[in-house]
C-alpha atoms as a PDB file:
ATOM      1  CA  MET A   1     419.737 -12.234 273.535  1.00  0.00           C
ATOM      2  CA  GLU A   2     419.216  -9.066 275.428  1.00  0.00           C
ATOM      3  CA  PRO A   3     416.552  -6.347 274.884  1.00  0.00           C
ATOM      4  CA  PHE A   4     417.061  -3.514 272.313  1.00  0.00           C
ATOM      5  CA  LYS A   5     415.086  -0.391 271.397  1.00  0.00           C
ATOM      6  CA  LEU A   6     413.079  -0.295 268.205  1.00  0.00           C
ATOM      7  CA  GLN A   7     413.052   2.401 265.516  1.00  0.00           C
ATOM      8  CA  PRO A   8     409.609   2.543 263.982  1.00  0.00           C
ATOM      9  CA  ALA A   9     408.396   2.988 260.358  1.00  0.00           C
ATOM     10  CA  PHE A  10     406.240   6.034 259.780  1.00  0.00           C
ATOM     11  CA  LYS A  11     403.164   6.793 257.763  1.00  0.00           C
ATOM     12  CA  ASP A  12     401.766  10.035 256.633  1.00  0.00           C
ATOM     13  CA  TYR A  13     398.151   9.222 255.777  1.00  0.00           C
ATOM     14  CA  LEU A  14     395.954  12.253 255.163  1.00  0.00           C
ATOM     15  CA  TRP A  15     393.907  11.848 258.285  1.00  0.00           C
ATOM     16  CA  GLY A  16     397.114  12.047 260.611  1.00  0.00           C
ATOM     17  CA  GLY A  17     398.060  14.810 262.893  1.00  0.00           C
ATOM     18  CA  GLU A  18     401.293  16.002 264.764  1.00  0.00           C
ATOM     19  CA  ARG A  19     400.842  14.495 268.206  1.00  0.00           C
ATOM     20  CA  LEU A  20     403.090  11.457 267.707  1.00  0.00           C
ATOM     21  CA  ARG A  21     405.877  14.006 267.026  1.00  0.00           C
ATOM     22  CA  THR A  22     404.919  16.550 269.721  1.00  0.00           C
ATOM     23  CA  ASP A  23     403.691  14.274 272.452  1.00  0.00           C
ATOM     24  CA  TYR A  24     405.480  10.976 271.865  1.00  0.00           C
ATOM     25  CA  GLY A  25     408.902  12.220 270.569  1.00  0.00           C
ATOM     26  CA  LYS A  26     408.729  10.771 266.990  1.00  0.00           C
ATOM     27  CA  LYS A  27     411.484  12.154 264.720  1.00  0.00           C
ATOM     28  CA  THR A  28     410.541  12.122 261.030  1.00  0.00           C
ATOM     29  CA  GLN A  29     410.200  14.541 258.147  1.00  0.00           C
ATOM     30  CA  LEU A  30     406.732  13.177 257.180  1.00  0.00           C
ATOM     31  CA  HIS A  31     403.672  15.606 257.695  1.00  0.00           C
ATOM     32  CA  PRO A  32     401.080  14.726 258.743  1.00  0.00           C
ATOM     33  CA  LEU A  33     402.352  11.952 260.987  1.00  0.00           C
ATOM     34  CA  ALA A  34     399.513   9.503 261.148  1.00  0.00           C
ATOM     35  CA  GLU A  35     401.149   6.203 262.343  1.00  0.00           C
ATOM     36  CA  SER A  36     404.322   4.777 263.733  1.00  0.00           C
ATOM     37  CA  TRP A  37     404.720   1.065 263.307  1.00  0.00           C
ATOM     38  CA  GLU A  38     406.638   0.350 266.424  1.00  0.00           C
ATOM     39  CA  LEU A  39     407.004  -3.495 265.988  1.00  0.00           C
ATOM     40  CA  SER A  40     406.667  -4.602 262.389  1.00  0.00           C
ATOM     41  CA  CYS A  41     408.035  -7.238 260.079  1.00  0.00           C
ATOM     42  CA  HIS A  42     405.657  -6.313 257.368  1.00  0.00           C
ATOM     43  CA  PRO A  43     407.195  -5.258 254.020  1.00  0.00           C
ATOM     44  CA  ASP A  44     405.075  -2.166 253.959  1.00  0.00           C
ATOM     45  CA  GLY A  45     407.033  -0.733 256.937  1.00  0.00           C
ATOM     46  CA  GLU A  46     409.540  -2.652 258.900  1.00  0.00           C
ATOM     47  CA  SER A  47     410.966  -1.516 262.311  1.00  0.00           C
ATOM     48  CA  ILE A  48     414.714  -1.536 262.921  1.00  0.00           C
ATOM     49  CA  ALA A  49     416.866  -2.371 265.929  1.00  0.00           C
ATOM     50  CA  ALA A  50     417.856   1.015 267.294  1.00  0.00           C
ATOM     51  CA  SER A  51     420.388  -0.072 270.056  1.00  0.00           C
ATOM     52  CA  GLY A  52     422.746  -2.903 270.999  1.00  0.00           C
ATOM     53  CA  PRO A  53     424.997  -5.100 268.684  1.00  0.00           C
ATOM     54  CA  PHE A  54     422.321  -5.438 265.998  1.00  0.00           C
ATOM     55  CA  ALA A  55     421.605  -1.691 265.687  1.00  0.00           C
ATOM     56  CA  GLY A  56     420.516  -1.008 262.256  1.00  0.00           C
ATOM     57  CA  GLU A  57     419.173  -4.339 261.189  1.00  0.00           C
ATOM     58  CA  THR A  58     415.520  -4.907 260.407  1.00  0.00           C
ATOM     59  CA  LEU A  59     413.553  -6.923 262.861  1.00  0.00           C
ATOM     60  CA  ARG A  60     412.744  -9.329 260.048  1.00  0.00           C
ATOM     61  CA  SER A  61     416.344  -9.920 259.401  1.00  0.00           C
ATOM     62  CA  LEU A  62     417.087 -10.510 263.099  1.00  0.00           C
ATOM     63  CA  ILE A  63     414.194 -13.062 263.388  1.00  0.00           C
ATOM     64  CA  GLU A  64     415.559 -14.897 260.294  1.00  0.00           C
ATOM     65  CA  LYS A  65     418.985 -15.190 262.027  1.00  0.00           C
ATOM     66  CA  GLN A  66     418.003 -15.785 265.562  1.00  0.00           C
ATOM     67  CA  GLY A  67     414.628 -17.657 265.263  1.00  0.00           C
ATOM     68  CA  GLU A  68     413.223 -19.059 268.407  1.00  0.00           C
ATOM     69  CA  ALA A  69     415.681 -17.442 270.682  1.00  0.00           C
ATOM     70  CA  LEU A  70     414.194 -14.018 269.618  1.00  0.00           C
ATOM     71  CA  CYS A  71     410.493 -14.946 269.087  1.00  0.00           C
ATOM     72  CA  GLY A  72     409.842 -17.916 271.305  1.00  0.00           C
ATOM     73  CA  ARG A  73     408.361 -21.248 271.098  1.00  0.00           C
ATOM     74  CA  LEU A  74     404.790 -19.969 270.488  1.00  0.00           C
ATOM     75  CA  CYS A  75     405.801 -18.259 267.226  1.00  0.00           C
ATOM     76  CA  ALA A  76     406.704 -21.630 265.826  1.00  0.00           C
ATOM     77  CA  GLY A  77     402.989 -22.203 265.203  1.00  0.00           C
ATOM     78  CA  PHE A  78     402.751 -19.292 262.649  1.00  0.00           C
ATOM     79  CA  ALA A  79     403.827 -19.135 259.179  1.00  0.00           C
ATOM     80  CA  ASP A  80     405.176 -15.642 259.695  1.00  0.00           C
ATOM     81  CA  PHE A  81     405.914 -13.268 262.669  1.00  0.00           C
ATOM     82  CA  PRO A  82     402.331 -12.893 263.926  1.00  0.00           C
ATOM     83  CA  VAL A  83     402.205  -9.317 265.491  1.00  0.00           C
ATOM     84  CA  LEU A  84     402.291  -5.762 264.284  1.00  0.00           C
ATOM     85  CA  ILE A  85     401.984  -2.947 266.842  1.00  0.00           C
ATOM     86  CA  LYS A  86     401.288   0.808 265.918  1.00  0.00           C
ATOM     87  CA  LEU A  87     400.756   4.147 267.540  1.00  0.00           C
ATOM     88  CA  ILE A  88     398.101   6.029 265.756  1.00  0.00           C
ATOM     89  CA  ASP A  89     397.149   9.714 265.833  1.00  0.00           C
ATOM     90  CA  ALA A  90     393.785  10.517 264.187  1.00  0.00           C
ATOM     91  CA  ALA A  91     393.419  14.236 263.762  1.00  0.00           C
ATOM     92  CA  ARG A  92     390.623  13.550 261.252  1.00  0.00           C
ATOM     93  CA  PRO A  93     388.389  10.437 260.996  1.00  0.00           C
ATOM     94  CA  LEU A  94     389.669   7.283 259.415  1.00  0.00           C
ATOM     95  CA  SER A  95     387.613   5.604 256.603  1.00  0.00           C
ATOM     96  CA  ILE A  96     384.925   3.285 257.592  1.00  0.00           C
ATOM     97  CA  GLN A  97     386.475  -0.104 256.944  1.00  0.00           C
ATOM     98  CA  VAL A  98     386.668  -3.860 257.596  1.00  0.00           C
ATOM     99  CA  HIS A  99     389.282  -6.471 257.670  1.00  0.00           C
ATOM    100  CA  PRO A 100     388.863 -10.056 256.475  1.00  0.00           C
ATOM    101  CA  SER A 101     389.469 -13.287 258.237  1.00  0.00           C
ATOM    102  CA  ASP A 102     392.506 -15.474 257.594  1.00  0.00           C
ATOM    103  CA  GLU A 103     390.371 -17.949 255.683  1.00  0.00           C
ATOM    104  CA  TYR A 104     389.011 -15.356 253.212  1.00  0.00           C
ATOM    105  CA  ALA A 105     392.267 -13.457 252.959  1.00  0.00           C
ATOM    106  CA  LEU A 106     394.506 -16.485 252.245  1.00  0.00           C
ATOM    107  CA  LYS A 107     392.022 -17.738 249.621  1.00  0.00           C
ATOM    108  CA  ASN A 108     391.508 -14.400 247.895  1.00  0.00           C
ATOM    109  CA  GLU A 109     394.465 -12.130 248.674  1.00  0.00           C
ATOM    110  CA  GLN A 110     397.342 -14.434 249.408  1.00  0.00           C
ATOM    111  CA  SER A 111     397.600 -12.510 252.688  1.00  0.00           C
ATOM    112  CA  PHE A 112     396.643 -13.083 256.236  1.00  0.00           C
ATOM    113  CA  GLY A 113     393.579 -11.477 257.547  1.00  0.00           C
ATOM    114  CA  LYS A 114     393.385  -8.928 260.451  1.00  0.00           C
ATOM    115  CA  THR A 115     392.118  -9.094 264.009  1.00  0.00           C
ATOM    116  CA  GLU A 116     393.191  -6.171 266.055  1.00  0.00           C
ATOM    117  CA  MET A 117     392.670  -4.464 269.410  1.00  0.00           C
ATOM    118  CA  TRP A 118     393.047  -0.763 270.402  1.00  0.00           C
ATOM    119  CA  VAL A 119     394.180   0.844 273.718  1.00  0.00           C
ATOM    120  CA  ILE A 120     392.888   4.446 273.841  1.00  0.00           C
ATOM    121  CA  LEU A 121     395.758   6.655 274.993  1.00  0.00           C
ATOM    122  CA  ASP A 122     394.035  10.053 274.561  1.00  0.00           C
ATOM    123  CA  ALA A 123     390.719  11.296 273.290  1.00  0.00           C
ATOM    124  CA  GLN A 124     389.144  14.704 273.035  1.00  0.00           C
ATOM    125  CA  PRO A 125     385.947  14.973 275.169  1.00  0.00           C
ATOM    126  CA  ASP A 126     383.617  14.476 272.012  1.00  0.00           C
ATOM    127  CA  SER A 127     385.631  11.771 270.326  1.00  0.00           C
ATOM    128  CA  PHE A 128     383.993   8.494 269.132  1.00  0.00           C
ATOM    129  CA  LEU A 129     384.468   5.336 267.305  1.00  0.00           C
ATOM    130  CA  TYR A 130     382.215   3.573 264.730  1.00  0.00           C
ATOM    131  CA  TYR A 131     382.044  -0.008 266.035  1.00  0.00           C
ATOM    132  CA  GLY A 132     379.952  -2.440 264.172  1.00  0.00           C
ATOM    133  CA  PHE A 133     376.218  -2.284 263.278  1.00  0.00           C
ATOM    134  CA  ASN A 134     373.539  -1.070 265.635  1.00  0.00           C
ATOM    135  CA  ARG A 135     371.111  -3.870 264.374  1.00  0.00           C
ATOM    136  CA  GLU A 136     371.271  -6.795 262.049  1.00  0.00           C
ATOM    137  CA  VAL A 137     371.351  -5.598 258.436  1.00  0.00           C
ATOM    138  CA  GLY A 138     370.873  -7.291 255.076  1.00  0.00           C
ATOM    139  CA  THR A 139     372.951  -7.159 251.982  1.00  0.00           C
ATOM    140  CA  GLU A 140     370.590  -4.933 249.927  1.00  0.00           C
ATOM    141  CA  GLU A 141     369.941  -2.584 252.759  1.00  0.00           C
ATOM    142  CA  LEU A 142     373.601  -2.260 253.372  1.00  0.00           C
ATOM    143  CA  ARG A 143     374.457  -1.817 249.685  1.00  0.00           C
ATOM    144  CA  ALA A 144     371.812   0.929 249.359  1.00  0.00           C
ATOM    145  CA  ALA A 145     373.040   2.711 252.562  1.00  0.00           C
ATOM    146  CA  ILE A 146     376.685   2.668 251.092  1.00  0.00           C
ATOM    147  CA  GLU A 147     375.502   3.987 247.587  1.00  0.00           C
ATOM    148  CA  GLU A 148     373.448   6.827 249.175  1.00  0.00           C
ATOM    149  CA  ASN A 149     376.107   7.995 251.560  1.00  0.00           C
ATOM    150  CA  ARG A 150     374.171   7.187 254.753  1.00  0.00           C
ATOM    151  CA  LEU A 151     376.069   4.163 256.087  1.00  0.00           C
ATOM    152  CA  GLU A 152     376.681   5.939 259.359  1.00  0.00           C
ATOM    153  CA  GLU A 153     372.990   5.642 260.215  1.00  0.00           C
ATOM    154  CA  LEU A 154     373.508   1.834 260.568  1.00  0.00           C
ATOM    155  CA  LEU A 155     376.550   1.959 262.801  1.00  0.00           C
ATOM    156  CA  GLN A 156     377.179   2.016 266.535  1.00  0.00           C
ATOM    157  CA  LYS A 157     378.672   5.430 267.394  1.00  0.00           C
ATOM    158  CA  ARG A 158     380.602   4.855 270.688  1.00  0.00           C
ATOM    159  CA  PRO A 159     382.299   7.628 272.814  1.00  0.00           C
ATOM    160  CA  VAL A 160     385.665   6.648 274.059  1.00  0.00           C
ATOM    161  CA  ARG A 161     387.958   7.872 276.719  1.00  0.00           C
ATOM    162  CA  PRO A 162     391.646   7.155 277.864  1.00  0.00           C
ATOM    163  CA  GLY A 163     391.903   3.584 279.073  1.00  0.00           C
ATOM    164  CA  ASP A 164     389.234   2.100 276.893  1.00  0.00           C
ATOM    165  CA  VAL A 165     389.998  -1.201 275.277  1.00  0.00           C
ATOM    166  CA  VAL A 166     388.569  -2.050 271.832  1.00  0.00           C
ATOM    167  CA  PHE A 167     388.820  -5.573 270.495  1.00  0.00           C
ATOM    168  CA  ILE A 168     387.944  -5.802 266.808  1.00  0.00           C
ATOM    169  CA  PRO A 169     387.503  -9.351 265.357  1.00  0.00           C
ATOM    170  CA  ALA A 170     387.986  -9.714 261.620  1.00  0.00           C
ATOM    171  CA  GLY A 171     384.760  -8.934 259.941  1.00  0.00           C
ATOM    172  CA  THR A 172     383.738  -6.005 262.261  1.00  0.00           C
ATOM    173  CA  LEU A 173     383.010  -2.713 260.492  1.00  0.00           C
ATOM    174  CA  HIS A 174     384.893   0.115 262.285  1.00  0.00           C
ATOM    175  CA  ALA A 175     386.408   3.488 262.180  1.00  0.00           C
ATOM    176  CA  ILE A 176     388.528   5.669 264.368  1.00  0.00           C
ATOM    177  CA  GLY A 177     387.028   9.126 264.914  1.00  0.00           C
ATOM    178  CA  ALA A 178     388.935  12.490 265.151  1.00  0.00           C
ATOM    179  CA  GLY A 179     390.830  13.559 268.226  1.00  0.00           C
ATOM    180  CA  ILE A 180     391.992  10.002 269.201  1.00  0.00           C
ATOM    181  CA  VAL A 181     395.444   8.791 269.965  1.00  0.00           C
ATOM    182  CA  LEU A 182     395.786   5.028 270.444  1.00  0.00           C
ATOM    183  CA  CYS A 183     397.961   1.948 270.432  1.00  0.00           C
ATOM    184  CA  GLU A 184     397.017  -0.829 268.103  1.00  0.00           C
ATOM    185  CA  VAL A 185     398.078  -4.398 268.443  1.00  0.00           C
ATOM    186  CA  GLN A 186     397.097  -6.458 265.447  1.00  0.00           C
ATOM    187  CA  GLN A 187     397.833  -9.399 263.283  1.00  0.00           C
ATOM    188  CA  ASN A 188     400.862  -8.918 260.931  1.00  0.00           C
ATOM    189  CA  SER A 189     398.695  -7.774 257.971  1.00  0.00           C
ATOM    190  CA  ASN A 190     398.083  -4.620 256.090  1.00  0.00           C
ATOM    191  CA  LEU A 191     394.895  -5.756 254.398  1.00  0.00           C
ATOM    192  CA  THR A 192     391.918  -3.259 254.766  1.00  0.00           C
ATOM    193  CA  TYR A 193     388.689  -3.018 252.827  1.00  0.00           C
ATOM    194  CA  ARG A 194     387.511   0.677 252.668  1.00  0.00           C
ATOM    195  CA  VAL A 195     383.672   0.992 252.659  1.00  0.00           C
ATOM    196  CA  TYR A 196     383.185   4.726 253.033  1.00  0.00           C
ATOM    197  CA  ASP A 197     385.620   7.695 253.038  1.00  0.00           C
ATOM    198  CA  TYR A 198     383.472  10.838 253.574  1.00  0.00           C
ATOM    199  CA  GLY A 199     384.148  11.819 249.842  1.00  0.00           C
ATOM    200  CA  ARG A 200     387.855  12.719 250.489  1.00  0.00           C
ATOM    201  CA  LEU A 201     390.463  13.089 247.981  1.00  0.00           C
ATOM    202  CA  GLY A 202     393.905  11.467 248.186  1.00  0.00           C
ATOM    203  CA  ALA A 203     397.324  13.153 247.622  1.00  0.00           C
ATOM    204  CA  ASP A 204     396.801  12.604 244.004  1.00  0.00           C
ATOM    205  CA  GLY A 205     393.584  14.722 243.939  1.00  0.00           C
ATOM    206  CA  LYS A 206     391.358  11.614 243.254  1.00  0.00           C
ATOM    207  CA  PRO A 207     388.948   9.847 245.722  1.00  0.00           C
ATOM    208  CA  ARG A 208     390.689   6.966 247.429  1.00  0.00           C
ATOM    209  CA  PRO A 209     389.438   3.569 246.248  1.00  0.00           C
ATOM    210  CA  LEU A 210     386.678   1.657 248.048  1.00  0.00           C
ATOM    211  CA  HIS A 211     386.436  -2.068 248.182  1.00  0.00           C
ATOM    212  CA  VAL A 212     382.639  -2.494 248.707  1.00  0.00           C
ATOM    213  CA  GLU A 213     382.083  -5.878 247.138  1.00  0.00           C
ATOM    214  CA  LYS A 214     384.926  -7.474 249.029  1.00  0.00           C
ATOM    215  CA  ALA A 215     383.659  -5.733 252.328  1.00  0.00           C
ATOM    216  CA  LEU A 216     380.146  -7.145 251.615  1.00  0.00           C
ATOM    217  CA  ALA A 217     381.723 -10.709 251.333  1.00  0.00           C
ATOM    218  CA  VAL A 218     383.404 -10.528 254.791  1.00  0.00           C
ATOM    219  CA  LEU A 219     381.165  -8.203 256.993  1.00  0.00           C
ATOM    220  CA  ASP A 220     379.649  -9.533 260.129  1.00  0.00           C
ATOM    221  CA  ARG A 221     375.931  -8.140 259.811  1.00  0.00           C
ATOM    222  CA  ARG A 222     375.102  -8.714 263.450  1.00  0.00           C
ATOM    223  CA  PRO A 223     375.003  -5.934 266.095  1.00  0.00           C
ATOM    224  CA  ALA A 224     378.506  -5.539 267.518  1.00  0.00           C
ATOM    225  CA  ALA A 225     379.081  -6.567 271.190  1.00  0.00           C
ATOM    226  CA  GLY A 226     381.889  -5.187 273.332  1.00  0.00           C
ATOM    227  CA  SER A 227     382.161  -3.345 276.590  1.00  0.00           C
ATOM    228  CA  PHE A 228     385.366  -1.507 275.776  1.00  0.00           C
ATOM    229  CA  ALA A 229     386.657  -2.660 279.232  1.00  0.00           C
ATOM    230  CA  PRO A 230     389.855  -4.561 279.912  1.00  0.00           C
ATOM    231  CA  ALA A 231     389.631  -8.354 279.748  1.00  0.00           C
ATOM    232  CA  GLY A 232     391.054  -8.932 283.148  1.00  0.00           C
ATOM    233  CA  GLU A 233     391.317  -7.441 286.739  1.00  0.00           C
ATOM    234  CA  GLU A 234     394.181  -5.368 287.754  1.00  0.00           C
ATOM    235  CA  GLN A 235     396.917  -7.443 289.616  1.00  0.00           C
ATOM    236  CA  ILE A 236     399.370  -5.898 292.087  1.00  0.00           C
ATOM    237  CA  CYS A 237     402.944  -7.009 291.505  1.00  0.00           C
ATOM    238  CA  GLY A 238     405.100  -5.244 293.964  1.00  0.00           C
ATOM    239  CA  ASP A 239     405.423  -1.713 292.746  1.00  0.00           C
ATOM    240  CA  ALA A 240     403.608  -2.482 289.591  1.00  0.00           C
ATOM    241  CA  ARG A 241     400.025  -2.880 288.481  1.00  0.00           C
ATOM    242  CA  LEU A 242     399.400  -5.381 285.629  1.00  0.00           C
ATOM    243  CA  GLN A 243     396.080  -5.723 283.804  1.00  0.00           C
ATOM    244  CA  LEU A 244     395.129  -8.109 280.962  1.00  0.00           C
ATOM    245  CA  LEU A 245     393.590  -5.960 278.275  1.00  0.00           C
ATOM    246  CA  ALA A 246     392.890  -8.369 275.482  1.00  0.00           C
ATOM    247  CA  GLU A 247     393.952 -11.771 274.352  1.00  0.00           C
ATOM    248  CA  CYS A 248     393.287 -14.068 271.340  1.00  0.00           C
ATOM    249  CA  SER A 249     395.117 -16.671 269.295  1.00  0.00           C
ATOM    250  CA  TYR A 250     397.210 -13.871 267.596  1.00  0.00           C
ATOM    251  CA  PHE A 251     398.362 -11.691 270.530  1.00  0.00           C
ATOM    252  CA  THR A 252     398.140 -11.087 274.353  1.00  0.00           C
ATOM    253  CA  VAL A 253     398.239  -7.473 275.641  1.00  0.00           C
ATOM    254  CA  HIS A 254     398.665  -6.146 279.193  1.00  0.00           C
ATOM    255  CA  SER A 255     398.906  -2.704 280.601  1.00  0.00           C
ATOM    256  CA  LEU A 256     401.699  -1.991 283.133  1.00  0.00           C
ATOM    257  CA  LYS A 257     401.739   0.895 285.492  1.00  0.00           C
ATOM    258  CA  LEU A 258     404.795   1.276 287.506  1.00  0.00           C
ATOM    259  CA  ASP A 259     405.948   3.402 290.369  1.00  0.00           C
ATOM    260  CA  GLY A 260     409.135   1.848 291.579  1.00  0.00           C
ATOM    261  CA  ARG A 261     410.620  -1.479 290.421  1.00  0.00           C
ATOM    262  CA  TYR A 262     409.262  -4.408 288.460  1.00  0.00           C
ATOM    263  CA  THR A 263     411.069  -7.742 287.634  1.00  0.00           C
ATOM    264  CA  ALA A 264     409.882 -10.331 285.081  1.00  0.00           C
ATOM    265  CA  GLN A 265     411.184 -13.466 283.397  1.00  0.00           C
ATOM    266  CA  ALA A 266     411.486 -14.239 279.651  1.00  0.00           C
ATOM    267  CA  GLU A 267     411.923 -17.996 279.628  1.00  0.00           C
ATOM    268  CA  GLY A 268     411.654 -19.013 275.953  1.00  0.00           C
ATOM    269  CA  GLU A 269     407.859 -18.899 275.404  1.00  0.00           C
ATOM    270  CA  SER A 270     407.240 -15.577 273.710  1.00  0.00           C
ATOM    271  CA  PHE A 271     408.892 -12.243 272.903  1.00  0.00           C
ATOM    272  CA  ARG A 272     407.597  -9.102 274.712  1.00  0.00           C
ATOM    273  CA  CYS A 273     407.295  -5.640 273.124  1.00  0.00           C
ATOM    274  CA  LEU A 274     407.112  -2.794 275.730  1.00  0.00           C
ATOM    275  CA  ILE A 275     405.856   0.577 274.515  1.00  0.00           C
ATOM    276  CA  CYS A 276     406.004   3.342 276.981  1.00  0.00           C
ATOM    277  CA  THR A 277     402.901   5.562 276.861  1.00  0.00           C
ATOM    278  CA  GLN A 278     403.397   7.819 279.866  1.00  0.00           C
ATOM    279  CA  GLY A 279     406.374   8.748 282.183  1.00  0.00           C
ATOM    280  CA  SER A 280     409.902   7.437 281.890  1.00  0.00           C
ATOM    281  CA  GLY A 281     412.229   4.818 283.316  1.00  0.00           C
ATOM    282  CA  ALA A 282     414.932   2.330 282.735  1.00  0.00           C
ATOM    283  CA  LEU A 283     414.995  -1.390 281.559  1.00  0.00           C
ATOM    284  CA  SER A 284     418.021  -3.513 282.472  1.00  0.00           C
ATOM    285  CA  CYS A 285     418.685  -7.177 281.518  1.00  0.00           C
ATOM    286  CA  GLY A 286     422.097  -8.914 281.671  1.00  0.00           C
ATOM    287  CA  GLY A 287     424.652  -6.377 280.646  1.00  0.00           C
ATOM    288  CA  THR A 288     422.053  -4.068 278.914  1.00  0.00           C
ATOM    289  CA  ASN A 289     420.729  -0.860 280.284  1.00  0.00           C
ATOM    290  CA  LEU A 290     418.191   1.062 278.384  1.00  0.00           C
ATOM    291  CA  SER A 291     416.592   4.458 279.274  1.00  0.00           C
ATOM    292  CA  LEU A 292     412.903   4.512 278.244  1.00  0.00           C
ATOM    293  CA  GLN A 293     410.982   7.677 277.439  1.00  0.00           C
ATOM    294  CA  LYS A 294     407.264   8.271 276.504  1.00  0.00           C
ATOM    295  CA  GLY A 295     406.709   6.887 272.913  1.00  0.00           C
ATOM    296  CA  GLU A 296     409.787   4.506 272.915  1.00  0.00           C
ATOM    297  CA  SER A 297     409.504   0.855 272.308  1.00  0.00           C
ATOM    298  CA  VAL A 298     411.693  -2.066 273.484  1.00  0.00           C
ATOM    299  CA  PHE A 299     411.855  -5.540 272.177  1.00  0.00           C
ATOM    300  CA  ILE A 300     412.450  -8.177 274.896  1.00  0.00           C
ATOM    301  CA  PRO A 301     413.652 -11.390 273.246  1.00  0.00           C
ATOM    302  CA  ALA A 302     411.973 -14.632 274.239  1.00  0.00           C
ATOM    303  CA  ASP A 303     415.285 -15.982 275.933  1.00  0.00           C
ATOM    304  CA  ALA A 304     416.365 -12.861 277.532  1.00  0.00           C
ATOM    305  CA  GLY A 305     415.884 -14.277 281.107  1.00  0.00           C
ATOM    306  CA  GLU A 306     415.257 -11.881 284.002  1.00  0.00           C
ATOM    307  CA  TRP A 307     414.571  -8.297 283.032  1.00  0.00           C
ATOM    308  CA  ARG A 308     414.033  -5.431 285.381  1.00  0.00           C
ATOM    309  CA  LEU A 309     412.082  -2.156 284.891  1.00  0.00           C
ATOM    310  CA  GLN A 310     412.373   0.918 287.135  1.00  0.00           C
ATOM    311  CA  GLY A 311     410.692   4.291 287.085  1.00  0.00           C
ATOM    312  CA  ARG A 312     407.390   6.008 287.015  1.00  0.00           C
ATOM    313  CA  LEU A 313     405.507   4.972 283.850  1.00  0.00           C
ATOM    314  CA  GLN A 314     402.681   3.490 281.994  1.00  0.00           C
ATOM    315  CA  ALA A 315     403.353   1.011 279.231  1.00  0.00           C
ATOM    316  CA  VAL A 316     401.537  -1.521 276.775  1.00  0.00           C
ATOM    317  CA  LEU A 317     403.248  -4.893 277.065  1.00  0.00           C
ATOM    318  CA  ALA A 318     402.361  -7.289 274.190  1.00  0.00           C
ATOM    319  CA  GLY A 319     403.390 -10.670 273.053  1.00  0.00           C
ATOM    320  CA  LEU A 320     401.837 -14.074 272.348  1.00  0.00           C
END
């Protein structure tokens, strides 16, 4: 199989902005535009093949038909396609939330849990994240802080800048602050426990539901550790610079910075998803030639063989 572009699913959550439309070329009637699910087999928002002989088919449908040729040998160890990738524009702060582990989620929600990572693409000078606790906290102290609307006093408030890498294991309390655009690579799950939402009202005029008791059951109460630095050193590969950003049992993520040409091999182990975050270029493989602009995503099947990238661009490259 040869590479094909992806058409994302879009989300209009109340905290979203317009930058995915204005800066990343997304075309949708939704306002605000909070998220584009670039690579998704999740029933809450499936991405679709947007080029090639399978154009118009959902990614899930293609995986069901093509199996290992599309996904690779490593996917065989998962009950479902394991990865979901998003672009996120937070014009306003997201709720303070936590995701459960697989163990808890499978037992209590009949769903997989969620470990994720973020690549910060852009951030206003005063932008920040909430990232775990600033000290170890007990259940009653935590419950009281939630009830008294002072949870933020217990959290690490971490400034961010473009290029920061944030790894968020299941159980880590977190929130994206206003003024941040990022790429999120996560487990294929849409399970979130909302702990605090700043008293906001949803589209129906009512407060969005909280999930405090479930959150208390899964939270890691220890101070969060994390440098926000890439996991590996930058490697020079001809005209390209590759850097490992994060890896775990659910995904592996690299950054790719190119000024010229780059050649790689897809030899059956894993698919790759390439999301162009700056610049432009072209990807060729076999008889397929795809132009690539900022904000576009390409799925590279596991058995695609040699693929070549040319141009001046930056990209996130994710797989297993």
